[in-house]
Amino acid sequence: MVTKGGFEFHASSPLGLLLSVLLLGLSSFACAQDTEPNAPCTSAQDLGAVALPFVQEGDLNPDPDLDFFRIEATPGALVKVDLEGAGTGAGTLGDPFLGFFDSACNLVSLDDDGGGNLNSRLVVTVPADGILVLGVTRCCDGSFSEGGFGSYRLTIAPFAVIGSIGGQVLDAMTGDPLPGDTDPFTFVELRRCEAFGCFGINGVSADSAGRYQFSVDSSGQPLEVGTYQIAAFANQYQQGQSDLFDVGEGEDRTVDIALEPFPLQGSEVRPCGSLPPEGGSCAYSVRLTNRSGTAFDGAAWSLVSSSGIGSLADFTQFQTAIPKRLNLRPGASKVVRFEFQVPPTVRDGAFICADLFAGQDRRRPFFNTVVARGLFCIEKGFRAFSVMSEQEAQRLFRQRHAPPLSRKEK
């Protein structure tokens, strides 16, 4: 068993194996050092046929410097190439940038942050002549001509592929499936977990029966043997995520997620509809129903966000009015109405979206929210404002309220 950051991993799991390798100083990998000069690509350092996994330690020095390596491998084999630097303590290179070239030095593919923590990762198929050339530089030297400064670790390993990861998203109270094509517009994220944490690698909307399936990442690469997590998000439901789980080579894994509904549910959304190009009053409503077993005593309010409006900031967000008092016994419902004014100065192409919030405890509802959902969006065209489709509006809401692990920050 390996202990890392307060967590325990069995050495037999893919994540445990990775941590074991890291903690043992990569002693099980064949290693080599770079030899200068090994740039440009036509002067790549020839490493010959290497046993995988293979580690190349290198240093971009003197500043600026580039490194290229020529390797012989089995034609058609799928291999993973990781370029690590300061992000995981594997060197001092601040933002590694990795390129894959063929034997004629034609650039085939490149990557900036695919390995997480600003590290680079490529999954490549060895060309028919068995030669692959790898280029190392710093972001964002896409021409592989400028170079950078700092030490790094380049790891080449076989890429073992799983079958798929799939399952269903359900209502935790009723067991009913939560569809992705209609309300609650369920969205599922696949996260890969490594020594430095879990990060999103793909996301899909659930189908009409709440089902989802992943067999590739967002770049279309097959999924590697390893440790994963599933997270699910649905309109008017608490976000949920699975425990970490390991998936073996060729394995198909089923992971169902049950989401807890918010105690207050919004339905029967009635947008303001089309407005003339000079704007006007946008009045809208939503029905709120108390699905909990206790009385609700709180308030509801609506926030309006707009972008591309043509102002100096080109963005605005405001509350339509003071929160509206809500007192609902279990099972009771009430239609709540909101309104805001759209001025004629709003530029063509602007998006205006309305969100609903409700909070328990009328004295401090803003810090006791039990409902958060997108209601609708309108878009200004040449002749009028028009209501966007629910699917497109929900996509905008997800972009604005993306979960932290879905965002890759530089």
Protein backbone atom coordinates (compact mmCIF):
# COMPACT_ATOMS: atom_id res chain seq x y z
CA MET A 1 0.00 0.00 0.00
CA VAL A 2 1.25 3.48 -0.92
CA THR A 3 0.35 6.56 1.16
CA LYS A 4 0.34 9.93 -0.58
CA GLY A 5 -1.08 13.22 0.69
CA GLY A 6 -3.11 11.45 3.38
CA PHE A 7 -4.67 8.98 0.91
CA GLU A 8 -3.88 5.28 0.69
CA PHE A 9 -3.62 3.45 -2.63
CA HIS A 10 -3.12 -0.27 -3.13
CA ALA A 11 0.03 -0.98 -5.10
CA SER A 12 -2.01 -3.23 -7.40
CA SER A 13 -4.14 -0.30 -8.62
CA PRO A 14 -2.94 1.79 -11.58
CA LEU A 15 -2.75 4.90 -9.39
CA GLY A 16 -0.90 2.95 -6.71
CA LEU A 17 1.56 1.67 -9.30
CA LEU A 18 2.14 5.20 -10.54
CA LEU A 19 2.77 6.49 -7.03
CA SER A 20 5.07 3.57 -6.28
CA VAL A 21 7.12 4.44 -9.34
CA LEU A 22 7.30 8.09 -8.36
CA LEU A 23 8.25 7.35 -4.78
CA LEU A 24 10.91 4.86 -5.82
CA GLY A 25 12.53 7.42 -8.08
CA LEU A 26 11.57 5.72 -11.35
CA SER A 27 14.00 2.90 -10.62
CA SER A 28 12.06 0.45 -12.82
CA PHE A 29 12.41 2.63 -15.92
CA ALA A 30 15.29 2.60 -18.37
CA CYS A 31 16.82 6.08 -18.23
CA ALA A 32 19.10 8.25 -20.36
CA GLN A 33 20.47 11.80 -20.41
CA ASP A 34 20.29 14.22 -23.30
CA THR A 35 23.44 15.00 -25.26
CA GLU A 36 23.99 18.35 -26.95
CA PRO A 37 23.71 19.37 -29.68
CA ASN A 38 20.38 17.69 -30.42
CA ALA A 39 18.55 20.43 -32.31
CA PRO A 40 17.07 21.14 -34.79
CA CYS A 41 14.97 18.08 -35.63
CA THR A 42 17.41 16.90 -38.30
CA SER A 43 20.10 16.71 -35.56
CA ALA A 44 17.92 14.78 -33.11
CA GLN A 45 19.76 12.64 -30.55
CA ASP A 46 19.46 9.02 -31.79
CA LEU A 47 18.41 6.79 -28.88
CA GLY A 48 17.90 3.74 -31.10
CA ALA A 49 15.56 0.94 -30.09
CA VAL A 50 14.58 1.39 -26.43
CA ALA A 51 12.76 -0.88 -24.00
CA LEU A 52 9.51 0.65 -22.81
CA PRO A 53 8.82 2.25 -20.40
CA PHE A 54 11.76 4.60 -21.05
CA VAL A 55 12.71 7.85 -19.33
CA GLN A 56 14.80 10.62 -20.84
CA GLU A 57 16.13 13.27 -18.47
CA GLY A 58 16.95 16.55 -20.16
CA ASP A 59 17.81 20.20 -19.72
CA LEU A 60 17.04 23.10 -22.03
CA ASN A 61 20.30 24.95 -21.47
CA PRO A 62 21.79 27.35 -22.41
CA ASP A 63 18.72 29.57 -22.74
CA PRO A 64 16.97 29.30 -25.13
CA ASP A 65 17.36 25.66 -26.11
CA LEU A 66 15.42 22.87 -27.83
CA ASP A 67 15.88 19.11 -27.58
CA PHE A 68 14.95 16.47 -30.16
CA PHE A 69 15.11 12.69 -29.72
CA ARG A 70 14.87 9.94 -32.36
CA ILE A 71 13.51 6.58 -31.17
CA GLU A 72 12.90 3.21 -32.82
CA ALA A 73 9.76 1.32 -31.74
CA THR A 74 7.33 -1.30 -33.04
CA PRO A 75 5.39 0.03 -36.08
CA GLY A 76 1.71 0.52 -35.30
CA ALA A 77 2.24 0.37 -31.52
CA LEU A 78 0.29 2.85 -29.40
CA VAL A 79 2.54 4.71 -26.96
CA LYS A 80 2.07 7.49 -24.41
CA VAL A 81 4.62 10.29 -24.16
CA ASP A 82 4.68 12.51 -21.04
CA LEU A 83 6.77 15.66 -20.80
CA GLU A 84 6.95 16.86 -17.18
CA GLY A 85 8.54 19.91 -15.64
CA ALA A 86 8.00 22.15 -12.63
CA GLY A 87 4.29 21.29 -12.35
CA THR A 88 5.02 17.85 -10.85
CA GLY A 89 8.53 18.51 -9.56
CA ALA A 90 10.11 16.56 -12.42
CA GLY A 91 12.27 19.52 -13.44
CA THR A 92 12.38 23.29 -13.62
CA LEU A 93 10.80 23.80 -17.07
CA GLY A 94 7.80 25.97 -16.25
CA ASP A 95 5.39 25.16 -19.09
CA PRO A 96 6.56 22.17 -21.18
CA PHE A 97 5.58 21.90 -24.85
CA LEU A 98 5.82 18.55 -26.67
CA GLY A 99 5.91 17.70 -30.36
CA PHE A 100 5.77 14.43 -32.33
CA PHE A 101 7.54 14.35 -35.72
CA ASP A 102 7.97 11.65 -38.34
CA SER A 103 11.37 10.50 -39.60
CA ALA A 104 11.39 13.29 -42.21
CA CYS A 105 10.87 15.88 -39.44
CA ASN A 106 7.32 16.69 -40.42
CA LEU A 107 5.31 17.78 -37.38
CA VAL A 108 2.53 15.24 -36.79
CA SER A 109 1.02 16.49 -33.51
CA LEU A 110 1.81 18.68 -30.53
CA ASP A 111 0.50 19.27 -27.01
CA ASP A 112 0.67 21.94 -24.35
CA ASP A 113 -1.20 20.98 -21.15
CA GLY A 114 -2.64 17.52 -21.90
CA GLY A 115 -0.77 15.96 -18.97
CA GLY A 116 -2.21 18.30 -16.32
CA ASN A 117 -0.31 20.74 -14.09
CA LEU A 118 0.98 22.47 -17.26
CA ASN A 119 2.68 19.22 -18.33
CA SER A 120 2.34 17.85 -21.87
CA ARG A 121 1.06 14.48 -23.02
CA LEU A 122 0.65 12.81 -26.41
CA VAL A 123 -0.70 9.39 -27.30
CA VAL A 124 0.76 8.45 -30.67
CA THR A 125 0.85 5.54 -33.09
CA VAL A 126 4.37 4.57 -34.12
CA PRO A 127 4.71 5.21 -37.89
CA ALA A 128 5.13 2.38 -40.39
CA ASP A 129 8.91 2.90 -40.55
CA GLY A 130 9.17 2.43 -36.76
CA ILE A 131 10.71 5.89 -36.22
CA LEU A 132 9.28 8.62 -34.05
CA VAL A 133 10.99 11.91 -33.24
CA LEU A 134 10.05 13.89 -30.12
CA GLY A 135 10.65 17.62 -29.71
CA VAL A 136 10.90 19.44 -26.37
CA THR A 137 10.46 23.19 -25.94
CA ARG A 138 8.43 25.63 -23.83
CA CYS A 139 4.90 26.90 -24.40
CA CYS A 140 3.85 28.06 -26.84
CA ASP A 141 6.62 27.47 -29.36
CA GLY A 142 4.48 25.73 -31.96
CA SER A 143 7.16 26.09 -34.62
CA PHE A 144 9.75 24.35 -32.38
CA SER A 145 12.29 27.03 -33.24
CA GLU A 146 12.40 29.45 -30.29
CA GLY A 147 13.29 27.15 -27.39
CA GLY A 148 13.14 27.63 -23.63
CA PHE A 149 15.01 27.09 -20.39
CA GLY A 150 14.74 24.45 -17.65
CA SER A 151 15.10 20.76 -16.87
CA TYR A 152 12.46 18.14 -17.62
CA ARG A 153 11.58 14.45 -17.71
CA LEU A 154 10.35 12.73 -20.88
CA THR A 155 8.63 9.36 -20.34
CA ILE A 156 7.65 6.97 -23.12
CA ALA A 157 5.46 4.01 -22.16
CA PRO A 158 3.07 1.51 -23.77
CA PHE A 159 -0.50 2.76 -23.87
CA ALA A 160 -2.91 0.13 -22.52
CA VAL A 161 -6.52 0.82 -23.53
CA ILE A 162 -9.69 0.13 -21.53
CA GLY A 163 -13.04 -0.79 -23.07
CA SER A 164 -15.43 1.90 -21.91
CA ILE A 165 -16.94 3.65 -18.89
CA GLY A 166 -20.70 4.08 -18.84
CA GLY A 167 -23.76 4.09 -16.64
CA GLN A 168 -26.92 5.96 -15.78
CA VAL A 169 -27.79 9.10 -13.81
CA LEU A 170 -30.81 8.69 -11.53
CA ASP A 171 -33.01 10.69 -9.16
CA ALA A 172 -31.91 9.61 -5.67
CA MET A 173 -35.47 9.97 -4.29
CA THR A 174 -37.49 8.23 -7.01
CA GLY A 175 -34.92 6.17 -8.91
CA ASP A 176 -36.14 7.70 -12.16
CA PRO A 177 -33.54 8.39 -14.89
CA LEU A 178 -32.46 12.01 -15.38
CA PRO A 179 -32.43 12.78 -19.13
CA GLY A 180 -29.94 15.04 -20.83
CA ASP A 181 -32.06 16.17 -23.78
CA THR A 182 -34.88 17.67 -21.69
CA ASP A 183 -35.17 19.19 -18.22
CA PRO A 184 -33.08 18.57 -16.04
CA PHE A 185 -30.51 18.51 -18.91
CA THR A 186 -28.12 16.11 -17.21
CA PHE A 187 -24.42 16.46 -18.03
CA VAL A 188 -21.74 13.90 -17.13
CA GLU A 189 -18.02 14.55 -16.79
CA LEU A 190 -15.26 11.94 -16.92
CA ARG A 191 -12.27 12.71 -14.73
CA ARG A 192 -8.90 10.99 -14.82
CA CYS A 193 -7.07 10.74 -11.50
CA GLU A 194 -3.30 10.75 -11.17
CA ALA A 195 -0.77 11.50 -8.45
CA PHE A 196 -1.48 15.25 -8.64
CA GLY A 197 -5.30 14.96 -8.53
CA CYS A 198 -8.34 14.43 -10.75
CA PHE A 199 -9.10 16.53 -13.83
CA GLY A 200 -11.84 16.47 -16.45
CA ILE A 201 -10.96 14.78 -19.75
CA ASN A 202 -14.37 14.53 -21.44
CA GLY A 203 -18.01 15.41 -20.95
CA VAL A 204 -21.32 14.43 -22.54
CA SER A 205 -25.02 15.05 -22.05
CA ALA A 206 -26.94 12.02 -20.86
CA ASP A 207 -29.43 10.51 -23.32
CA SER A 208 -33.20 10.46 -22.88
CA ALA A 209 -32.88 7.57 -20.39
CA GLY A 210 -30.12 9.22 -18.35
CA ARG A 211 -27.43 6.98 -19.84
CA TYR A 212 -23.88 8.00 -20.75
CA GLN A 213 -20.78 6.29 -22.12
CA PHE A 214 -17.13 7.21 -22.63
CA SER A 215 -14.60 5.32 -24.76
CA VAL A 216 -12.37 8.27 -25.73
CA ASP A 217 -11.25 11.56 -24.20
CA SER A 218 -12.21 14.99 -25.54
CA SER A 219 -9.41 14.85 -28.13
CA GLY A 220 -10.63 11.50 -29.49
CA GLN A 221 -7.84 9.45 -27.90
CA PRO A 222 -8.81 6.04 -26.43
CA LEU A 223 -8.99 5.82 -22.66
CA GLU A 224 -5.95 4.46 -20.87
CA VAL A 225 -5.88 1.90 -18.08
CA GLY A 226 -5.96 3.88 -14.86
CA THR A 227 -8.00 5.50 -12.12
CA TYR A 228 -11.13 7.51 -12.94
CA GLN A 229 -14.05 9.39 -11.39
CA ILE A 230 -17.49 10.28 -12.75
CA ALA A 231 -19.21 13.58 -11.88
CA ALA A 232 -22.80 14.44 -12.84
CA PHE A 233 -24.64 17.75 -12.98
CA ALA A 234 -28.37 18.28 -13.54
CA ASN A 235 -30.66 21.27 -13.42
CA GLN A 236 -32.22 21.53 -9.92
CA TYR A 237 -30.16 18.65 -8.51
CA GLN A 238 -27.17 18.63 -6.21
CA GLN A 239 -23.94 17.87 -8.04
CA GLY A 240 -22.72 14.31 -7.44
CA GLN A 241 -19.57 12.32 -8.03
CA SER A 242 -18.47 8.72 -7.72
CA ASP A 243 -15.67 7.30 -5.64
CA LEU A 244 -12.38 6.77 -7.47
CA PHE A 245 -12.34 3.51 -9.41
CA ASP A 246 -9.74 1.57 -11.40
CA VAL A 247 -10.37 0.25 -14.93
CA GLY A 248 -8.22 -2.49 -16.42
CA GLU A 249 -7.13 -3.24 -19.98
CA GLY A 250 -10.12 -4.03 -22.21
CA GLU A 251 -12.53 -3.67 -19.27
CA ASP A 252 -16.01 -2.14 -19.62
CA ARG A 253 -16.96 -0.42 -16.35
CA THR A 254 -20.50 0.57 -15.26
CA VAL A 255 -20.86 3.45 -12.80
CA ASP A 256 -24.33 4.75 -11.89
CA ILE A 257 -24.78 8.10 -10.14
CA ALA A 258 -27.79 9.09 -8.01
CA LEU A 259 -28.36 12.83 -7.58
CA GLU A 260 -30.31 14.42 -4.74
CA PRO A 261 -33.00 16.85 -5.94
CA PHE A 262 -33.20 20.33 -4.52
CA PRO A 263 -36.11 20.54 -2.02
CA LEU A 264 -37.64 23.39 -4.05
CA GLN A 265 -38.23 22.64 -7.73
CA GLY A 266 -38.89 25.13 -10.54
CA SER A 267 -41.16 24.23 -13.46
CA GLU A 268 -43.46 25.82 -16.06
CA VAL A 269 -40.86 28.42 -17.05
CA ARG A 270 -42.47 31.14 -19.16
CA PRO A 271 -39.84 33.38 -20.82
CA CYS A 272 -40.59 36.93 -21.85
CA GLY A 273 -40.68 35.88 -25.49
CA SER A 274 -39.69 37.97 -28.48
CA LEU A 275 -38.96 41.65 -28.02
CA PRO A 276 -38.63 44.33 -30.72
CA PRO A 277 -35.08 45.43 -31.61
CA GLU A 278 -35.49 48.57 -29.53
CA GLY A 279 -35.95 46.39 -26.42
CA GLY A 280 -38.68 46.74 -23.84
CA SER A 281 -40.00 44.96 -20.78
CA CYS A 282 -38.99 41.31 -20.29
CA ALA A 283 -41.54 39.76 -17.92
CA TYR A 284 -41.21 36.08 -17.06
CA SER A 285 -42.36 33.55 -14.48
CA VAL A 286 -41.63 30.13 -12.99
CA ARG A 287 -43.63 27.81 -10.75
CA LEU A 288 -41.88 26.76 -7.52
CA THR A 289 -42.96 23.55 -5.76
CA ASN A 290 -41.92 22.40 -2.28
CA ARG A 291 -40.89 18.74 -2.71
CA SER A 292 -39.55 18.38 0.82
CA GLY A 293 -41.40 17.04 3.83
CA THR A 294 -41.11 20.29 5.78
CA ALA A 295 -42.47 23.81 5.30
CA PHE A 296 -40.39 26.25 3.28
CA ASP A 297 -40.06 29.78 4.59
CA GLY A 298 -37.66 31.85 2.51
CA ALA A 299 -37.36 33.94 -0.63
CA ALA A 300 -36.75 33.69 -4.38
CA TRP A 301 -34.84 36.04 -6.67
CA SER A 302 -33.56 36.19 -10.22
CA LEU A 303 -30.19 37.25 -11.63
CA VAL A 304 -29.82 38.48 -15.18
CA SER A 305 -26.49 38.14 -17.03
CA SER A 306 -25.71 39.56 -20.44
CA SER A 307 -22.64 39.60 -22.69
CA GLY A 308 -21.84 41.30 -25.98
CA ILE A 309 -24.09 44.23 -25.07
CA GLY A 310 -21.80 46.91 -26.54
CA SER A 311 -20.93 48.73 -23.31
CA LEU A 312 -17.35 49.48 -22.29
CA ALA A 313 -17.24 46.32 -20.13
CA ASP A 314 -19.40 44.45 -22.69
CA PHE A 315 -20.93 42.45 -19.82
CA THR A 316 -23.42 43.00 -17.00
CA GLN A 317 -25.09 41.08 -14.17
CA PHE A 318 -27.86 42.34 -11.90
CA GLN A 319 -30.72 41.26 -9.66
CA THR A 320 -34.16 42.07 -11.05
CA ALA A 321 -35.72 43.24 -7.76
CA ILE A 322 -35.74 42.56 -4.04
CA PRO A 323 -36.20 38.84 -3.19
CA LYS A 324 -39.81 37.67 -3.26
CA ARG A 325 -41.14 36.10 -0.07
CA LEU A 326 -42.02 32.38 -0.27
CA ASN A 327 -43.94 30.41 2.32
CA LEU A 328 -44.86 26.94 1.08
CA ARG A 329 -46.13 23.92 2.96
CA PRO A 330 -44.96 20.46 1.77
CA GLY A 331 -46.28 19.77 -1.74
CA ALA A 332 -47.52 23.33 -2.27
CA SER A 333 -46.50 25.46 -5.23
CA LYS A 334 -46.57 29.10 -6.30
CA VAL A 335 -45.91 31.01 -9.52
CA VAL A 336 -43.21 33.65 -9.02
CA ARG A 337 -42.92 36.55 -11.49
CA PHE A 338 -39.92 38.71 -12.44
CA GLU A 339 -39.29 41.57 -14.84
CA PHE A 340 -36.45 43.73 -16.19
CA GLN A 341 -36.06 46.39 -18.87
CA VAL A 342 -33.95 45.88 -22.01
CA PRO A 343 -32.66 49.20 -23.46
CA PRO A 344 -32.38 49.91 -27.21
CA THR A 345 -28.60 50.34 -26.88
CA VAL A 346 -28.03 46.57 -26.59
CA ARG A 347 -25.90 45.49 -29.55
CA ASP A 348 -26.98 42.89 -32.13
CA GLY A 349 -25.75 39.41 -31.17
CA ALA A 350 -25.99 40.02 -27.41
CA PHE A 351 -27.07 37.19 -25.10
CA ILE A 352 -29.30 37.87 -22.08
CA CYS A 353 -29.89 34.98 -19.65
CA ALA A 354 -32.02 34.77 -16.50
CA ASP A 355 -31.22 32.51 -13.52
CA LEU A 356 -33.46 31.57 -10.61
CA PHE A 357 -32.34 31.26 -7.00
CA ALA A 358 -34.29 30.53 -3.83
CA GLY A 359 -33.07 30.46 -0.25
CA GLN A 360 -34.43 29.05 2.98
CA ASP A 361 -34.67 31.47 5.94
CA ARG A 362 -36.14 34.78 4.79
CA ARG A 363 -33.71 36.76 6.99
CA ARG A 364 -30.60 35.49 5.17
CA PRO A 365 -31.76 33.63 2.02
CA PHE A 366 -28.65 34.48 -0.03
CA PHE A 367 -26.52 32.17 2.13
CA ASN A 368 -29.07 29.34 2.42
CA THR A 369 -29.80 28.65 -1.27
CA VAL A 370 -31.80 25.52 -2.05
CA VAL A 371 -32.48 26.25 -5.74
CA ALA A 372 -30.11 27.40 -8.47
CA ARG A 373 -31.21 26.90 -12.06
CA GLY A 374 -31.06 28.57 -15.44
CA LEU A 375 -34.44 29.74 -16.73
CA PHE A 376 -33.98 30.99 -20.31
CA CYS A 377 -31.81 33.07 -22.64
CA ILE A 378 -32.73 35.57 -25.35
CA GLU A 379 -30.52 36.72 -28.21
CA LYS A 380 -30.74 40.00 -30.09
CA GLY A 381 -30.93 39.60 -33.82
CA PHE A 382 -31.26 42.15 -36.62
CA ARG A 383 -35.05 42.43 -36.33
CA ALA A 384 -35.89 41.27 -32.80
CA PHE A 385 -34.88 39.53 -29.60
CA SER A 386 -35.65 35.81 -29.80
CA VAL A 387 -35.74 33.05 -27.17
CA MET A 388 -32.94 30.51 -27.50
CA SER A 389 -33.66 26.79 -27.42
CA GLU A 390 -33.57 25.16 -23.99
CA GLN A 391 -30.62 22.99 -25.02
CA GLU A 392 -28.53 25.97 -26.17
CA ALA A 393 -29.47 28.00 -23.09
CA GLN A 394 -28.43 25.14 -20.79
CA ARG A 395 -25.08 24.94 -22.59
CA LEU A 396 -24.50 28.61 -21.78
CA PHE A 397 -25.53 28.07 -18.16
CA ARG A 398 -23.06 25.17 -17.85
CA GLN A 399 -20.25 27.29 -19.28
CA ARG A 400 -20.91 30.04 -16.75
CA HIS A 401 -21.26 27.69 -13.79
CA ALA A 402 -18.64 25.06 -14.71
CA PRO A 403 -17.43 23.02 -11.71
CA PRO A 404 -13.87 23.87 -10.55
CA LEU A 405 -12.33 20.55 -11.65
CA SER A 406 -13.68 21.09 -15.17
CA ARG A 407 -11.57 24.19 -15.62
CA LYS A 408 -7.94 23.81 -16.63
CA GLU A 409 -6.09 26.86 -15.37
CA LYS A 410 -2.72 28.04 -16.59
